[in-house]
Protein backbone atom coordinates (compact mmCIF):
# COMPACT_ATOMS: atom_id res chain seq x y z
CA MET A 1 12.04 8.63 -9.80
CA MET A 2 12.98 7.07 -6.59
CA GLY A 3 14.06 9.36 -3.84
CA ASN A 4 16.24 8.69 -0.78
CA GLU A 5 13.72 9.33 1.70
CA THR A 6 11.63 6.56 3.67
CA THR A 7 7.88 6.65 4.28
CA ALA A 8 5.61 5.23 6.76
CA PHE A 9 1.89 4.88 6.14
CA CYS A 10 -0.17 5.50 9.33
CA SER A 11 -3.94 4.83 9.40
CA GLY A 12 -4.54 6.17 12.91
CA HIS A 13 -5.25 2.75 14.02
CA ALA A 14 -3.23 0.81 16.69
CA ASN A 15 -0.81 -1.24 14.44
CA SER A 16 0.50 1.48 12.37
CA CYS A 17 0.72 3.95 15.21
CA ALA A 18 2.70 1.37 17.32
CA MET A 19 5.05 0.83 14.40
CA VAL A 20 5.87 4.56 14.06
CA ALA A 21 6.26 5.31 17.62
CA ARG A 22 8.50 2.21 18.07
CA LEU A 23 10.64 3.28 15.21
CA HIS A 24 10.98 6.71 16.80
CA GLU A 25 11.90 5.04 20.07
CA LEU A 26 14.74 3.01 18.10
CA LYS A 27 15.96 5.96 16.42
CA GLN A 28 14.92 4.52 12.99
CA ARG A 29 12.56 7.44 12.20
CA PRO A 30 10.92 7.39 8.74
CA ASP A 31 11.53 10.63 6.84
CA ARG A 32 7.80 11.14 6.40
CA VAL A 33 4.58 9.70 7.96
CA VAL A 34 1.32 9.65 5.71
CA PHE A 35 -2.20 9.27 6.55
CA CYS A 36 -4.56 8.37 3.80
CA GLU A 37 -7.84 10.07 4.26
CA THR A 38 -10.91 7.94 3.49
CA GLY A 39 -13.61 10.47 4.70
CA LEU A 40 -15.06 7.60 6.67
CA GLU A 41 -12.92 7.26 9.74
CA PHE A 42 -14.30 7.32 13.23
CA ASP A 43 -14.02 10.72 14.86
CA GLU A 44 -11.71 9.11 17.73
CA VAL A 45 -9.25 8.10 15.00
CA TYR A 46 -8.88 11.84 13.78
CA ASP A 47 -8.48 12.94 17.68
CA TYR A 48 -5.95 10.34 18.29
CA LEU A 49 -3.87 11.31 15.16
CA ASP A 50 -3.77 14.84 16.63
CA LYS A 51 -2.60 13.61 20.05
CA PHE A 52 -0.21 11.15 18.46
CA GLU A 53 1.59 14.07 16.61
CA ARG A 54 1.85 16.11 19.67
CA CYS A 55 3.18 13.22 21.75
CA LEU A 56 5.90 12.24 19.17
CA GLY A 57 6.54 15.84 18.04
CA ILE A 58 6.07 15.00 14.37
CA GLU A 59 3.79 16.07 11.54
CA ILE A 60 1.70 13.60 9.68
CA ILE A 61 1.03 14.29 6.11
CA ARG A 62 -2.66 14.12 5.59
CA GLU A 63 -3.32 13.12 1.94
CA ASP A 64 -6.90 13.25 0.53
CA ALA A 65 -7.36 12.13 -3.02
CA SER A 66 -10.92 13.28 -3.15
CA LYS A 67 -9.90 16.83 -2.79
CA GLU A 68 -8.63 16.86 -6.49
CA ARG A 69 -11.25 14.69 -7.84
CA GLN A 70 -14.78 15.21 -6.11
CA GLU A 71 -15.94 12.13 -7.91
CA LEU A 72 -13.87 10.03 -5.61
CA LYS A 73 -15.64 11.07 -2.35
CA PHE A 74 -17.55 8.22 -1.03
CA GLU A 75 -21.13 9.40 -1.49
CA ASN A 76 -20.38 10.60 -4.97
CA TRP A 77 -18.96 7.32 -6.14
CA PHE A 78 -21.67 5.40 -4.32
CA ASN A 79 -24.46 7.07 -6.08
CA LYS A 80 -22.67 7.01 -9.51
CA PRO A 81 -24.13 4.60 -12.15
CA TRP A 82 -22.12 2.04 -13.85
CA CYS A 83 -21.48 2.84 -17.44
CA SER A 84 -21.31 -0.54 -18.89
CA GLY A 85 -21.72 -4.31 -18.28
CA LYS A 86 -24.43 -6.22 -16.65
CA HIS A 87 -24.97 -3.42 -13.90
CA SER A 88 -24.99 -0.68 -16.35
CA GLY A 89 -27.43 2.06 -15.13
CA GLU A 90 -27.31 0.71 -11.46
CA ILE A 91 -25.44 2.88 -8.94
CA HIS A 92 -22.28 1.46 -7.59
CA GLY A 93 -23.71 0.97 -4.10
CA MET A 94 -21.55 -0.93 -1.46
CA PRO A 95 -18.51 -2.88 -2.72
CA GLN A 96 -19.12 -6.33 -3.46
CA GLN A 97 -17.79 -8.97 -1.04
CA CYS A 98 -16.21 -11.02 -3.72
CA GLY A 99 -14.04 -8.04 -5.06
CA ALA A 100 -11.78 -5.53 -3.86
CA CYS A 101 -13.23 -2.34 -2.21
CA TRP A 102 -13.43 0.30 -4.80
CA HIS A 103 -13.26 3.06 -2.07
CA HIS A 104 -10.10 1.82 -1.03
CA ARG A 105 -8.77 1.72 -4.66
CA ASN A 106 -10.02 5.12 -5.37
CA VAL A 107 -8.72 7.01 -2.26
CA LYS A 108 -5.97 4.99 -0.69
CA HIS A 109 -4.25 2.95 -3.53
CA LYS A 110 -3.58 6.33 -5.51
CA ILE A 111 -1.74 7.77 -2.40
CA TYR A 112 0.26 4.58 -1.92
CA VAL A 113 1.49 4.66 -5.57
CA LYS A 114 2.32 8.28 -5.28
CA TYR A 115 4.69 7.69 -2.22
CA ASN A 116 6.04 4.55 -3.59
CA LYS A 117 7.27 6.22 -6.52
CA ILE A 118 9.41 8.80 -4.57
CA SER A 119 10.46 6.80 -1.60
CA SER A 120 13.53 4.51 -1.12
CA GLN A 121 11.88 2.38 1.47
CA VAL A 122 8.22 2.14 2.77
CA TYR A 123 7.19 0.98 6.30
CA VAL A 124 3.97 -1.12 6.51
CA GLY A 125 2.21 -1.80 9.75
CA PHE A 126 1.28 -5.63 9.21
CA THR A 127 1.47 -7.83 12.33
CA ARG A 128 2.84 -11.43 12.73
CA ASP A 129 -0.67 -12.71 11.98
CA GLU A 130 -0.76 -10.79 8.66
CA ILE A 131 2.46 -12.34 6.99
CA GLY A 132 0.37 -13.53 4.03
CA ARG A 133 -0.54 -9.94 3.37
CA ARG A 134 3.02 -8.79 2.51
CA MET A 135 3.08 -7.05 -0.83
CA LYS A 136 5.13 -7.69 -3.94
CA LYS A 137 7.68 -5.01 -4.46
CA PRO A 138 7.09 -2.44 -7.40
CA ASN A 139 8.95 -2.91 -10.58
CA GLY A 140 12.47 -1.27 -10.26
CA LYS A 141 12.37 -1.39 -6.53
CA PRO A 142 14.91 -3.17 -4.31
CA SER A 143 13.83 -6.46 -2.58
CA ASP A 144 13.65 -4.77 0.78
CA PHE A 145 11.62 -1.97 -0.53
CA PHE A 146 8.64 -2.73 1.65
CA VAL A 147 9.49 -3.12 5.41
CA TYR A 148 7.36 -4.90 8.05
CA PRO A 149 8.61 -3.90 11.39
CA LEU A 150 5.88 -5.36 13.61
CA ILE A 151 6.37 -8.78 11.69
CA ASP A 152 10.20 -8.55 12.31
CA TRP A 153 9.52 -7.67 16.06
CA GLY A 154 6.95 -10.65 16.25
CA TRP A 155 4.22 -8.34 17.26
CA SER A 156 0.53 -8.94 17.27
CA ALA A 157 -2.33 -6.55 17.29
CA ASP A 158 -2.54 -6.90 21.06
CA SER A 159 1.25 -6.04 21.25
CA SER A 160 0.37 -2.79 19.42
CA ILE A 161 -2.42 -1.90 21.77
CA TRP A 162 -0.38 -2.81 24.87
CA TYR A 163 2.49 -0.89 23.52
CA LEU A 164 0.56 2.44 22.83
CA LYS A 165 -1.08 2.31 26.33
CA ASN A 166 1.77 1.20 28.51
CA LYS A 167 4.92 2.44 26.89
CA LEU A 168 3.73 5.50 25.00
CA GLY A 169 1.15 6.44 27.52
CA LEU A 170 -1.48 7.17 24.83
CA THR A 171 -4.41 4.79 25.09
CA HIS A 172 -6.36 4.37 21.71
CA PRO A 173 -10.05 4.81 22.92
CA LEU A 174 -11.42 2.65 20.16
CA TYR A 175 -9.74 -0.53 21.54
CA GLU A 176 -10.57 0.06 25.24
CA SER A 177 -12.92 -2.31 26.92
CA ASP A 178 -15.79 0.28 26.87
CA ILE A 179 -15.80 0.17 23.14
CA GLY A 180 -13.84 -3.04 22.42
CA PHE A 181 -12.66 -3.23 18.78
CA LYS A 182 -10.21 -5.92 17.97
CA ARG A 183 -9.33 -4.38 14.64
CA LEU A 184 -10.29 -1.11 12.73
CA GLY A 185 -11.44 -0.29 9.32
CA CYS A 186 -13.32 2.48 7.83
CA SER A 187 -16.43 3.10 10.11
CA ILE A 188 -18.78 1.88 7.47
CA CYS A 189 -16.68 -0.90 6.08
CA PRO A 190 -18.75 -3.84 4.83
CA TYR A 191 -15.82 -6.28 5.57
CA GLN A 192 -16.02 -5.87 9.32
CA SER A 193 -16.58 -8.90 11.47
CA GLY A 194 -20.00 -9.45 13.07
CA GLU A 195 -18.61 -8.52 16.54
CA ALA A 196 -17.22 -5.12 15.04
CA LEU A 197 -20.72 -4.43 13.48
CA GLU A 198 -22.30 -5.21 16.99
CA ILE A 199 -20.07 -2.66 18.57
CA ILE A 200 -21.16 0.05 15.94
CA TYR A 201 -24.90 -0.82 16.47
CA LEU A 202 -24.46 -0.49 20.20
CA LYS A 203 -22.05 2.23 20.54
CA PHE A 204 -22.14 4.29 17.45
CA PRO A 205 -26.01 4.66 16.56
CA LYS A 206 -25.58 7.66 14.18
CA ILE A 207 -23.11 5.62 12.06
CA TRP A 208 -25.60 2.54 12.27
CA GLU A 209 -28.37 4.73 11.04
CA TYR A 210 -26.06 5.91 8.10
CA MET A 211 -25.11 2.33 7.17
CA LEU A 212 -29.01 1.46 7.08
CA SER A 213 -29.55 4.31 4.71
CA LEU A 214 -26.80 3.14 2.52
CA GLU A 215 -27.98 -0.45 2.58
CA GLU A 216 -31.38 0.71 1.61
CA LYS A 217 -30.18 2.59 -1.47
CA SER A 218 -27.44 0.08 -2.51
CA PRO A 219 -28.15 -2.80 -5.04
CA ASN A 220 -26.16 -5.01 -2.66
CA ASN A 221 -26.62 -5.70 0.82
CA TYR A 222 -23.90 -5.22 3.53
CA PHE A 223 -22.03 -8.45 3.62
CA TYR A 224 -19.37 -9.25 6.08
CA GLN A 225 -16.58 -11.80 6.41
CA LYS A 226 -17.29 -13.39 9.82
CA SER A 227 -20.56 -14.85 11.09
CA LEU A 228 -22.36 -13.34 14.14
CA ARG A 229 -23.14 -16.27 16.52
CA GLY A 230 -23.16 -18.60 13.60
CA MET A 231 -25.38 -16.69 11.21
CA THR A 232 -23.97 -15.24 7.95
CA PHE A 233 -24.88 -12.80 5.35
CA TRP A 234 -27.52 -10.91 7.31
CA SER A 235 -28.74 -7.55 5.95
CA LEU A 236 -28.07 -4.80 8.63
CA ASP A 237 -31.86 -4.48 9.25
CA GLU A 238 -32.14 -8.17 10.10
CA MET A 239 -29.09 -7.82 12.37
CA SER A 240 -30.79 -4.83 14.25
CA ASN A 241 -33.69 -6.98 14.86
CA TYR A 242 -31.79 -9.76 16.20
CA LEU A 243 -29.54 -7.68 18.45
CA ASP A 244 -32.69 -5.72 19.94
CA ARG A 245 -34.12 -9.26 20.90
CA GLU A 246 -30.83 -10.30 22.44
CA ASN A 247 -30.33 -6.98 24.32
CA THR A 248 -33.98 -7.34 25.79
CA LYS A 249 -33.21 -10.78 26.90
CA GLN A 250 -29.92 -9.71 28.70
CA MET A 251 -31.91 -6.71 30.42
CA LYS A 252 -34.38 -9.08 31.74
CA LEU A 253 -31.81 -11.34 33.08
CA GLU A 254 -29.97 -8.61 34.66
CA THR A 255 -33.14 -7.04 36.32
CA TYR A 256 -34.50 -10.51 37.41
């Protein structure tokens, strides 16, 4: 049954945080702000959410679907064998590039559906560059059920980062130059760009080692959408060797 309250989903990344903060500034505050726990976020995201709550004086509802169903935790699902089909007996491993991410479906989608059912309107933090991602409204909901403030304001991802830093005074560390992400997903997301994977390799060695261990066990390699310096579909291990060689060359140039 649809309620009269509005919901904003906040990932702890720049776009959705900027959307929520700007709505508060405009006195258009959603009735609730919801964070969908994946269990795979960067530590900096959790720290930022805590600071964000204090800065705005709000409480973010932190939903974790895997608390009710332990089989939805990433490692449990990763190691679970397929029960039928051509991959029967194989573990799930990493999500395939050609399909939807099963971890997103398991832990995020269920929470989206829960709040879609009880909300009169839902705020989504897609930017002007993501117009094509706008979602079809659920059956029985009004045509303006999903609202995309960043698109309405003409904001890009850079606009969100600038706003958080210069208007809110709450710089998101993962987008700063010493780390340098342009976009964020889960820390081990196989759909990250080559540039993002390079940042993880250089700045987050423990996460990289964990990703390598997953790749070793998975029936599928880590695939990613964009090429790294023109080369596509490398395994993470191949990418490690390449980046080691590139960094060695750079160090020699700097010390010459």
